[in-house]
Amino acid sequence: MKDDLKYRFLKGLAETLDITRTMKDFPEAKSQDIRSLFLEFADTFKNRKSVNIYADGASRGNPGNAGAGILITAEDGKVIKKTGKFLGKTTNNEAEYQALIIALEEAKAMGATDIKIFADSELMVRQIKGEYKVKSAGLRPLYSKAMSILMGFKRYDIIHIERDKNKEADRLANEAIDSANLLK
């Protein structure tokens, strides 16, 4: 089932739900909470044309255990997706690119056509913009993959931001590393 159809179906279901009957089965729940839950779930399938992406990679040691953190928001700032992923052992710059690639794939899957990327890796941002050459052999394939995905968007912009403006993506990246360390 296509995401747009899922969105329309769930939104319609939330709007026509027989709250009275549902409340009998779940007396502890408020009717507005149930409706809001369905609308929030439906919203995850809504086709978003323009999104903002916050991406960050982290590596403890260089190379070391690494994680990627991404936050994707609608233009109004509403969080659409946030996730962290453990990347294994890699360098910090490679983790930055992997976080970007994961975020781009997520944005593409949700139907975004226009994206704004915010990242605190000045190296990666300048390489994507063509201001710096990609000299590292480890970064070249990641750069190529990121550029290939970027070419599939109608419009994109990548903006360097300070670390303190990328705290959530950083937290998600570090949380991914911590979670993997707990499994050992």
N, C-alpha and C. Protein backbone atom coordinates (compact mmCIF):
# COMPACT_ATOMS: atom_id res chain seq x y z
N MET A 1 0.85 -1.17 0.00
CA MET A 1 0.00 0.00 0.00
C MET A 1 0.90 1.24 0.00
N LYS A 2 0.63 2.19 -0.89
CA LYS A 2 1.43 3.41 -0.99
C LYS A 2 1.22 4.27 0.24
N ASP A 3 2.27 5.03 0.61
CA ASP A 3 2.21 5.87 1.80
C ASP A 3 1.08 6.89 1.74
N ASP A 4 0.83 7.47 0.58
CA ASP A 4 -0.24 8.45 0.47
C ASP A 4 -1.59 7.81 0.79
N LEU A 5 -1.80 6.60 0.32
CA LEU A 5 -3.04 5.88 0.60
C LEU A 5 -3.14 5.55 2.09
N LYS A 6 -2.02 5.13 2.69
CA LYS A 6 -2.00 4.85 4.14
C LYS A 6 -2.38 6.11 4.92
N TYR A 7 -1.79 7.22 4.52
CA TYR A 7 -2.07 8.50 5.19
C TYR A 7 -3.56 8.84 5.11
N ARG A 8 -4.11 8.81 3.90
CA ARG A 8 -5.51 9.17 3.71
C ARG A 8 -6.45 8.21 4.46
N PHE A 9 -6.10 6.91 4.45
CA PHE A 9 -6.92 5.92 5.14
C PHE A 9 -6.91 6.15 6.65
N LEU A 10 -5.73 6.30 7.22
CA LEU A 10 -5.63 6.48 8.67
C LEU A 10 -6.25 7.80 9.12
N LYS A 11 -6.07 8.85 8.33
CA LYS A 11 -6.67 10.14 8.66
C LYS A 11 -8.19 10.02 8.64
N GLY A 12 -8.72 9.37 7.61
CA GLY A 12 -10.17 9.15 7.53
C GLY A 12 -10.68 8.30 8.68
N LEU A 13 -9.93 7.28 9.03
CA LEU A 13 -10.31 6.41 10.15
C LEU A 13 -10.36 7.21 11.44
N ALA A 14 -9.36 8.03 11.68
CA ALA A 14 -9.32 8.85 12.90
C ALA A 14 -10.50 9.81 12.96
N GLU A 15 -10.85 10.35 11.82
CA GLU A 15 -11.93 11.33 11.78
C GLU A 15 -13.31 10.70 11.90
N THR A 16 -13.43 9.43 11.55
CA THR A 16 -14.75 8.77 11.61
C THR A 16 -14.84 7.70 12.69
N LEU A 17 -13.82 7.57 13.48
CA LEU A 17 -13.76 6.55 14.52
C LEU A 17 -14.93 6.69 15.50
N ASP A 18 -15.56 5.58 15.81
CA ASP A 18 -16.63 5.58 16.79
C ASP A 18 -15.99 5.58 18.18
N ILE A 19 -15.73 6.77 18.66
CA ILE A 19 -15.04 6.94 19.94
C ILE A 19 -15.83 6.32 21.09
N THR A 20 -17.14 6.40 21.07
CA THR A 20 -17.98 5.88 22.15
C THR A 20 -17.72 4.39 22.35
N ARG A 21 -17.69 3.65 21.25
CA ARG A 21 -17.46 2.21 21.34
C ARG A 21 -16.04 1.91 21.82
N THR A 22 -15.10 2.65 21.30
CA THR A 22 -13.69 2.45 21.68
C THR A 22 -13.49 2.74 23.17
N MET A 23 -14.16 3.76 23.67
CA MET A 23 -14.00 4.16 25.07
C MET A 23 -14.48 3.07 26.02
N LYS A 24 -15.43 2.26 25.61
CA LYS A 24 -15.91 1.16 26.46
C LYS A 24 -14.80 0.14 26.68
N ASP A 25 -13.99 -0.10 25.63
CA ASP A 25 -12.91 -1.07 25.72
C ASP A 25 -11.67 -0.52 26.44
N PHE A 26 -11.52 0.81 26.43
CA PHE A 26 -10.34 1.45 27.02
C PHE A 26 -10.78 2.63 27.89
N PRO A 27 -11.40 2.34 29.02
CA PRO A 27 -11.94 3.44 29.84
C PRO A 27 -10.87 4.39 30.37
N GLU A 28 -9.64 3.94 30.46
CA GLU A 28 -8.57 4.79 30.99
C GLU A 28 -8.06 5.81 29.96
N ALA A 29 -8.41 5.62 28.70
CA ALA A 29 -7.96 6.52 27.64
C ALA A 29 -8.98 7.62 27.40
N LYS A 30 -8.47 8.79 27.06
CA LYS A 30 -9.35 9.91 26.71
C LYS A 30 -9.61 9.86 25.21
N SER A 31 -10.82 10.20 24.80
CA SER A 31 -11.18 10.12 23.39
C SER A 31 -10.28 11.00 22.52
N GLN A 32 -9.92 12.17 23.01
CA GLN A 32 -9.05 13.06 22.23
C GLN A 32 -7.66 12.44 22.06
N ASP A 33 -7.19 11.71 23.08
CA ASP A 33 -5.88 11.06 23.00
C ASP A 33 -5.88 9.97 21.93
N ILE A 34 -6.97 9.22 21.85
CA ILE A 34 -7.07 8.15 20.84
C ILE A 34 -7.09 8.76 19.44
N ARG A 35 -7.90 9.79 19.25
CA ARG A 35 -7.96 10.47 17.95
C ARG A 35 -6.59 11.05 17.58
N SER A 36 -5.93 11.68 18.54
CA SER A 36 -4.61 12.27 18.30
C SER A 36 -3.59 11.20 17.93
N LEU A 37 -3.69 10.03 18.57
CA LEU A 37 -2.78 8.93 18.27
C LEU A 37 -2.92 8.51 16.81
N PHE A 38 -4.14 8.35 16.35
CA PHE A 38 -4.37 7.96 14.95
C PHE A 38 -3.88 9.05 13.99
N LEU A 39 -4.15 10.30 14.30
CA LEU A 39 -3.71 11.39 13.43
C LEU A 39 -2.19 11.48 13.38
N GLU A 40 -1.56 11.28 14.52
CA GLU A 40 -0.08 11.30 14.56
C GLU A 40 0.49 10.14 13.74
N PHE A 41 -0.11 8.97 13.87
CA PHE A 41 0.35 7.80 13.10
C PHE A 41 0.13 8.04 11.61
N ALA A 42 -1.02 8.58 11.25
CA ALA A 42 -1.31 8.88 9.84
C ALA A 42 -0.30 9.87 9.29
N ASP A 43 0.08 10.84 10.10
CA ASP A 43 0.99 11.88 9.66
C ASP A 43 2.37 11.33 9.28
N THR A 44 2.75 10.18 9.82
CA THR A 44 4.05 9.60 9.46
C THR A 44 4.09 9.14 8.01
N PHE A 45 2.92 8.94 7.41
CA PHE A 45 2.85 8.49 6.02
C PHE A 45 2.59 9.63 5.04
N LYS A 46 2.40 10.82 5.56
CA LYS A 46 2.07 11.97 4.71
C LYS A 46 3.24 12.27 3.78
N ASN A 47 2.92 12.47 2.52
CA ASN A 47 3.95 12.77 1.53
C ASN A 47 4.46 14.19 1.78
N ARG A 48 5.74 14.29 2.10
CA ARG A 48 6.37 15.58 2.39
C ARG A 48 7.22 15.98 1.21
N LYS A 49 6.94 17.12 0.65
CA LYS A 49 7.74 17.60 -0.48
C LYS A 49 9.02 18.28 0.01
N SER A 50 8.93 19.08 1.07
CA SER A 50 10.08 19.81 1.60
C SER A 50 10.35 19.38 3.03
N VAL A 51 11.59 19.00 3.30
CA VAL A 51 11.98 18.60 4.65
C VAL A 51 13.33 19.21 5.01
N ASN A 52 13.56 19.31 6.30
CA ASN A 52 14.85 19.70 6.84
C ASN A 52 15.50 18.47 7.45
N ILE A 53 16.78 18.32 7.18
CA ILE A 53 17.54 17.17 7.67
C ILE A 53 18.67 17.66 8.56
N TYR A 54 18.76 17.07 9.74
CA TYR A 54 19.89 17.30 10.63
C TYR A 54 20.62 15.96 10.74
N ALA A 55 21.89 15.95 10.35
CA ALA A 55 22.65 14.70 10.34
C ALA A 55 23.95 14.89 11.11
N ASP A 56 24.33 13.83 11.83
CA ASP A 56 25.59 13.88 12.56
C ASP A 56 26.15 12.48 12.70
N GLY A 57 27.45 12.39 12.57
CA GLY A 57 28.17 11.15 12.81
C GLY A 57 29.10 11.35 13.99
N ALA A 58 29.30 10.28 14.74
CA ALA A 58 30.19 10.34 15.90
C ALA A 58 31.06 9.10 15.92
N SER A 59 32.30 9.28 16.32
CA SER A 59 33.22 8.15 16.44
C SER A 59 34.02 8.32 17.72
N ARG A 60 34.07 7.29 18.52
CA ARG A 60 34.84 7.32 19.76
C ARG A 60 36.17 6.64 19.49
N GLY A 61 37.16 7.45 19.29
CA GLY A 61 38.44 6.99 18.78
C GLY A 61 38.37 7.33 17.30
N ASN A 62 39.47 7.38 16.67
CA ASN A 62 39.40 7.77 15.25
C ASN A 62 40.40 6.94 14.46
N PRO A 63 40.05 5.74 14.02
CA PRO A 63 38.71 5.14 14.01
C PRO A 63 38.33 4.54 15.36
N GLY A 64 37.05 4.35 15.53
CA GLY A 64 36.51 3.75 16.74
C GLY A 64 35.05 3.42 16.54
N ASN A 65 34.40 2.99 17.61
CA ASN A 65 32.97 2.70 17.52
C ASN A 65 32.25 3.97 17.10
N ALA A 66 31.38 3.84 16.11
CA ALA A 66 30.75 5.02 15.53
C ALA A 66 29.24 4.86 15.43
N GLY A 67 28.58 6.00 15.36
CA GLY A 67 27.13 6.02 15.22
C GLY A 67 26.70 7.17 14.33
N ALA A 68 25.51 7.02 13.78
CA ALA A 68 24.91 8.06 12.96
C ALA A 68 23.62 8.50 13.63
N GLY A 69 23.36 9.80 13.60
CA GLY A 69 22.11 10.33 14.14
C GLY A 69 21.46 11.21 13.11
N ILE A 70 20.16 11.01 12.91
CA ILE A 70 19.44 11.86 11.95
C ILE A 70 18.12 12.32 12.56
N LEU A 71 17.78 13.53 12.19
CA LEU A 71 16.52 14.13 12.57
C LEU A 71 15.95 14.76 11.30
N ILE A 72 14.74 14.39 10.95
CA ILE A 72 14.08 14.96 9.78
C ILE A 72 12.83 15.66 10.26
N THR A 73 12.70 16.94 9.86
CA THR A 73 11.55 17.72 10.27
C THR A 73 10.83 18.29 9.06
N ALA A 74 9.55 18.58 9.26
CA ALA A 74 8.79 19.32 8.26
C ALA A 74 9.26 20.77 8.30
N GLU A 75 8.83 21.54 7.33
CA GLU A 75 9.23 22.95 7.30
C GLU A 75 8.80 23.71 8.55
N ASP A 76 7.71 23.27 9.16
CA ASP A 76 7.22 23.95 10.36
C ASP A 76 7.94 23.48 11.63
N GLY A 77 8.92 22.59 11.48
CA GLY A 77 9.70 22.11 12.62
C GLY A 77 9.18 20.83 13.25
N LYS A 78 8.03 20.35 12.80
CA LYS A 78 7.46 19.12 13.37
C LYS A 78 8.36 17.94 13.02
N VAL A 79 8.71 17.14 14.01
CA VAL A 79 9.58 15.99 13.80
C VAL A 79 8.84 14.91 13.02
N ILE A 80 9.44 14.50 11.91
CA ILE A 80 8.88 13.44 11.09
C ILE A 80 9.57 12.12 11.41
N LYS A 81 10.87 12.18 11.58
CA LYS A 81 11.65 10.96 11.82
C LYS A 81 12.90 11.32 12.60
N LYS A 82 13.22 10.49 13.57
CA LYS A 82 14.50 10.63 14.24
C LYS A 82 15.00 9.23 14.57
N THR A 83 16.25 9.03 14.31
CA THR A 83 16.81 7.70 14.51
C THR A 83 18.32 7.76 14.67
N GLY A 84 18.84 6.74 15.28
CA GLY A 84 20.28 6.57 15.40
C GLY A 84 20.62 5.19 14.90
N LYS A 85 21.84 5.04 14.41
CA LYS A 85 22.26 3.74 13.90
C LYS A 85 23.72 3.51 14.26
N PHE A 86 24.01 2.34 14.80
CA PHE A 86 25.38 1.97 15.09
C PHE A 86 26.07 1.61 13.78
N LEU A 87 27.27 2.14 13.57
CA LEU A 87 27.97 1.94 12.30
C LEU A 87 29.16 0.99 12.38
N GLY A 88 29.50 0.52 13.56
CA GLY A 88 30.69 -0.31 13.70
C GLY A 88 31.91 0.58 13.90
N LYS A 89 33.06 0.08 13.50
CA LYS A 89 34.30 0.83 13.68
C LYS A 89 34.60 1.63 12.42
N THR A 90 34.69 2.94 12.56
CA THR A 90 34.97 3.80 11.42
C THR A 90 35.50 5.14 11.91
N THR A 91 35.93 5.98 10.99
CA THR A 91 36.42 7.30 11.37
C THR A 91 35.25 8.26 11.56
N ASN A 92 35.54 9.38 12.19
CA ASN A 92 34.51 10.39 12.40
C ASN A 92 33.98 10.94 11.07
N ASN A 93 34.88 11.25 10.14
CA ASN A 93 34.43 11.79 8.85
C ASN A 93 33.59 10.78 8.06
N GLU A 94 33.98 9.51 8.12
CA GLU A 94 33.18 8.49 7.45
C GLU A 94 31.80 8.37 8.11
N ALA A 95 31.76 8.49 9.45
CA ALA A 95 30.48 8.44 10.16
C ALA A 95 29.59 9.61 9.77
N GLU A 96 30.19 10.79 9.56
CA GLU A 96 29.42 11.96 9.12
C GLU A 96 28.75 11.68 7.77
N TYR A 97 29.51 11.14 6.84
CA TYR A 97 28.96 10.82 5.52
C TYR A 97 27.90 9.73 5.60
N GLN A 98 28.14 8.72 6.42
CA GLN A 98 27.15 7.64 6.54
C GLN A 98 25.85 8.17 7.12
N ALA A 99 25.95 9.10 8.08
CA ALA A 99 24.74 9.71 8.64
C ALA A 99 23.98 10.48 7.56
N LEU A 100 24.72 11.20 6.73
CA LEU A 100 24.09 11.95 5.63
C LEU A 100 23.39 11.00 4.67
N ILE A 101 24.05 9.92 4.30
CA ILE A 101 23.48 8.95 3.35
C ILE A 101 22.20 8.33 3.92
N ILE A 102 22.22 7.94 5.19
CA ILE A 102 21.03 7.37 5.82
C ILE A 102 19.88 8.38 5.78
N ALA A 103 20.19 9.63 6.11
CA ALA A 103 19.17 10.68 6.12
C ALA A 103 18.60 10.92 4.72
N LEU A 104 19.47 10.95 3.73
CA LEU A 104 19.02 11.17 2.35
C LEU A 104 18.11 10.03 1.89
N GLU A 105 18.48 8.80 2.23
CA GLU A 105 17.65 7.65 1.84
C GLU A 105 16.29 7.72 2.51
N GLU A 106 16.26 8.12 3.78
CA GLU A 106 14.99 8.27 4.50
C GLU A 106 14.12 9.35 3.84
N ALA A 107 14.74 10.50 3.54
CA ALA A 107 13.99 11.60 2.91
C ALA A 107 13.44 11.18 1.55
N LYS A 108 14.24 10.47 0.80
CA LYS A 108 13.81 9.99 -0.52
C LYS A 108 12.63 9.02 -0.36
N ALA A 109 12.73 8.12 0.62
CA ALA A 109 11.66 7.13 0.84
C ALA A 109 10.35 7.79 1.24
N MET A 110 10.41 8.94 1.92
CA MET A 110 9.17 9.61 2.32
C MET A 110 8.64 10.54 1.25
N GLY A 111 9.29 10.55 0.08
CA GLY A 111 8.78 11.33 -1.04
C GLY A 111 9.22 12.78 -1.10
N ALA A 112 10.22 13.14 -0.31
CA ALA A 112 10.69 14.53 -0.32
C ALA A 112 11.33 14.85 -1.67
N THR A 113 11.11 16.05 -2.13
CA THR A 113 11.73 16.50 -3.38
C THR A 113 12.68 17.67 -3.14
N ASP A 114 12.41 18.45 -2.11
CA ASP A 114 13.24 19.61 -1.75
C ASP A 114 13.75 19.40 -0.33
N ILE A 115 15.07 19.46 -0.15
CA ILE A 115 15.63 19.22 1.18
C ILE A 115 16.64 20.30 1.54
N LYS A 116 16.68 20.57 2.83
CA LYS A 116 17.72 21.41 3.41
C LYS A 116 18.44 20.54 4.42
N ILE A 117 19.74 20.43 4.26
CA ILE A 117 20.55 19.60 5.14
C ILE A 117 21.35 20.51 6.06
N PHE A 118 21.33 20.19 7.34
CA PHE A 118 22.10 20.93 8.34
C PHE A 118 23.08 19.94 8.97
N ALA A 119 24.36 20.27 8.95
CA ALA A 119 25.39 19.38 9.50
C ALA A 119 26.49 20.22 10.14
N ASP A 120 27.10 19.66 11.18
CA ASP A 120 28.17 20.39 11.85
C ASP A 120 29.56 19.99 11.36
N SER A 121 29.62 19.13 10.36
CA SER A 121 30.90 18.75 9.77
C SER A 121 31.24 19.73 8.64
N GLU A 122 32.11 20.68 8.94
CA GLU A 122 32.48 21.67 7.94
C GLU A 122 33.14 21.01 6.73
N LEU A 123 33.96 19.98 6.98
CA LEU A 123 34.62 19.26 5.88
C LEU A 123 33.59 18.68 4.92
N MET A 124 32.62 17.94 5.45
CA MET A 124 31.62 17.30 4.60
C MET A 124 30.79 18.35 3.85
N VAL A 125 30.36 19.37 4.54
CA VAL A 125 29.54 20.41 3.90
C VAL A 125 30.31 21.06 2.76
N ARG A 126 31.56 21.40 2.99
CA ARG A 126 32.36 22.05 1.94
C ARG A 126 32.67 21.10 0.78
N GLN A 127 32.83 19.81 1.08
CA GLN A 127 33.05 18.85 0.00
C GLN A 127 31.79 18.70 -0.84
N ILE A 128 30.64 18.61 -0.21
CA ILE A 128 29.38 18.47 -0.95
C ILE A 128 29.14 19.72 -1.81
N LYS A 129 29.50 20.87 -1.30
CA LYS A 129 29.32 22.12 -2.05
C LYS A 129 30.38 22.30 -3.14
N GLY A 130 31.39 21.44 -3.16
CA GLY A 130 32.44 21.54 -4.17
C GLY A 130 33.54 22.52 -3.82
N GLU A 131 33.56 22.99 -2.59
CA GLU A 131 34.57 23.96 -2.15
C GLU A 131 35.88 23.27 -1.77
N TYR A 132 35.81 22.02 -1.32
CA TYR A 132 36.98 21.23 -0.98
C TYR A 132 36.99 19.98 -1.84
N LYS A 133 38.17 19.51 -2.19
CA LYS A 133 38.30 18.23 -2.89
C LYS A 133 38.19 17.10 -1.87
N VAL A 134 37.78 15.95 -2.35
CA VAL A 134 37.71 14.77 -1.50
C VAL A 134 39.00 14.00 -1.71
N LYS A 135 39.93 14.14 -0.78
CA LYS A 135 41.26 13.54 -0.92
C LYS A 135 41.34 12.15 -0.28
N SER A 136 40.57 11.93 0.76
CA SER A 136 40.63 10.67 1.50
C SER A 136 40.03 9.52 0.70
N ALA A 137 40.80 8.46 0.55
CA ALA A 137 40.31 7.27 -0.18
C ALA A 137 39.08 6.67 0.51
N GLY A 138 39.01 6.77 1.84
CA GLY A 138 37.88 6.23 2.59
C GLY A 138 36.60 7.03 2.39
N LEU A 139 36.75 8.32 2.07
CA LEU A 139 35.58 9.18 1.89
C LEU A 139 35.05 9.21 0.46
N ARG A 140 35.91 8.91 -0.51
CA ARG A 140 35.49 9.02 -1.92
C ARG A 140 34.24 8.23 -2.25
N PRO A 141 34.15 6.93 -1.88
CA PRO A 141 32.92 6.20 -2.23
C PRO A 141 31.69 6.73 -1.49
N LEU A 142 31.87 7.20 -0.26
CA LEU A 142 30.75 7.76 0.50
C LEU A 142 30.30 9.08 -0.11
N TYR A 143 31.24 9.90 -0.51
CA TYR A 143 30.93 11.16 -1.19
C TYR A 143 30.16 10.88 -2.48
N SER A 144 30.66 9.92 -3.27
CA SER A 144 30.00 9.58 -4.54
C SER A 144 28.57 9.10 -4.32
N LYS A 145 28.38 8.28 -3.30
CA LYS A 145 27.04 7.77 -3.01
C LYS A 145 26.12 8.90 -2.57
N ALA A 146 26.62 9.78 -1.70
CA ALA A 146 25.80 10.91 -1.24
C ALA A 146 25.42 11.81 -2.42
N MET A 147 26.39 12.10 -3.28
CA MET A 147 26.11 12.98 -4.43
C MET A 147 25.11 12.33 -5.39
N SER A 148 25.23 11.02 -5.56
CA SER A 148 24.30 10.30 -6.43
C SER A 148 22.87 10.41 -5.90
N ILE A 149 22.70 10.25 -4.60
CA ILE A 149 21.36 10.36 -4.00
C ILE A 149 20.87 11.81 -4.10
N LEU A 150 21.74 12.76 -3.82
CA LEU A 150 21.37 14.17 -3.89
C LEU A 150 20.86 14.56 -5.27
N MET A 151 21.44 13.99 -6.32
CA MET A 151 21.02 14.31 -7.68
C MET A 151 19.58 13.88 -7.96
N GLY A 152 19.04 12.99 -7.12
CA GLY A 152 17.66 12.53 -7.28
C GLY A 152 16.63 13.48 -6.70
N PHE A 153 17.09 14.52 -6.00
CA PHE A 153 16.16 15.50 -5.44
C PHE A 153 16.00 16.66 -6.41
N LYS A 154 14.85 17.27 -6.39
CA LYS A 154 14.59 18.43 -7.23
C LYS A 154 15.49 19.60 -6.81
N ARG A 155 15.56 19.84 -5.50
CA ARG A 155 16.40 20.90 -4.95
C ARG A 155 17.00 20.42 -3.63
N TYR A 156 18.24 20.86 -3.40
CA TYR A 156 18.83 20.62 -2.09
C TYR A 156 19.79 21.75 -1.76
N ASP A 157 19.97 21.92 -0.46
CA ASP A 157 20.95 22.86 0.05
C ASP A 157 21.58 22.20 1.26
N ILE A 158 22.85 22.43 1.45
CA ILE A 158 23.54 21.90 2.62
C ILE A 158 24.18 23.07 3.33
N ILE A 159 23.94 23.14 4.63
CA ILE A 159 24.34 24.29 5.43
C ILE A 159 25.14 23.82 6.64
N HIS A 160 26.29 24.46 6.84
CA HIS A 160 27.09 24.16 8.02
C HIS A 160 26.49 24.89 9.21
N ILE A 161 26.30 24.16 10.31
CA ILE A 161 25.80 24.76 11.55
C ILE A 161 26.76 24.41 12.68
N GLU A 162 26.71 25.17 13.73
CA GLU A 162 27.54 24.90 14.91
C GLU A 162 26.99 23.66 15.63
N ARG A 163 27.87 23.01 16.36
CA ARG A 163 27.48 21.78 17.08
C ARG A 163 26.27 21.98 17.99
N ASP A 164 26.20 23.12 18.64
CA ASP A 164 25.11 23.33 19.59
C ASP A 164 23.74 23.45 18.90
N LYS A 165 23.73 23.62 17.60
CA LYS A 165 22.47 23.66 16.85
C LYS A 165 22.13 22.29 16.25
N ASN A 166 22.98 21.30 16.53
CA ASN A 166 22.79 19.95 16.01
C ASN A 166 22.77 18.93 17.15
N LYS A 167 22.32 19.38 18.30
CA LYS A 167 22.39 18.55 19.52
C LYS A 167 21.59 17.26 19.43
N GLU A 168 20.40 17.32 18.82
CA GLU A 168 19.55 16.12 18.78
C GLU A 168 20.17 15.04 17.90
N ALA A 169 20.68 15.41 16.74
CA ALA A 169 21.33 14.42 15.86
C ALA A 169 22.57 13.85 16.55
N ASP A 170 23.32 14.70 17.24
CA ASP A 170 24.50 14.25 17.98
C ASP A 170 24.10 13.28 19.09
N ARG A 171 23.04 13.61 19.81
CA ARG A 171 22.56 12.73 20.88
C ARG A 171 22.16 11.36 20.32
N LEU A 172 21.47 11.35 19.20
CA LEU A 172 21.04 10.09 18.58
C LEU A 172 22.24 9.26 18.12
N ALA A 173 23.26 9.90 17.58
CA ALA A 173 24.47 9.19 17.14
C ALA A 173 25.17 8.56 18.34
N ASN A 174 25.32 9.31 19.41
CA ASN A 174 25.99 8.80 20.60
C ASN A 174 25.16 7.74 21.31
N GLU A 175 23.85 7.89 21.28
CA GLU A 175 22.96 6.89 21.86
C GLU A 175 23.10 5.56 21.10
N ALA A 176 23.27 5.62 19.79
CA ALA A 176 23.45 4.41 18.98
C ALA A 176 24.74 3.69 19.39
N ILE A 177 25.80 4.45 19.63
CA ILE A 177 27.07 3.86 20.08
C ILE A 177 26.89 3.23 21.45
N ASP A 178 26.25 3.97 22.36
CA ASP A 178 26.01 3.45 23.72
C ASP A 178 25.19 2.18 23.71
N SER A 179 24.16 2.13 22.88
CA SER A 179 23.30 0.95 22.80
C SER A 179 24.08 -0.27 22.32
N ALA A 180 24.95 -0.07 21.34
CA ALA A 180 25.76 -1.17 20.82
C ALA A 180 26.76 -1.64 21.88
N ASN A 181 27.30 -0.72 22.64
CA ASN A 181 28.25 -1.08 23.70
C ASN A 181 27.58 -1.88 24.80
N LEU A 182 26.30 -1.62 25.07
CA LEU A 182 25.57 -2.35 26.10
C LEU A 182 25.32 -3.81 25.68
N LEU A 183 25.25 -4.05 24.39
CA LEU A 183 24.97 -5.40 23.89
C LEU A 183 26.18 -6.32 23.99
N LYS A 184 27.35 -5.74 24.20
CA LYS A 184 28.59 -6.55 24.26
C LYS A 184 28.71 -7.30 25.55
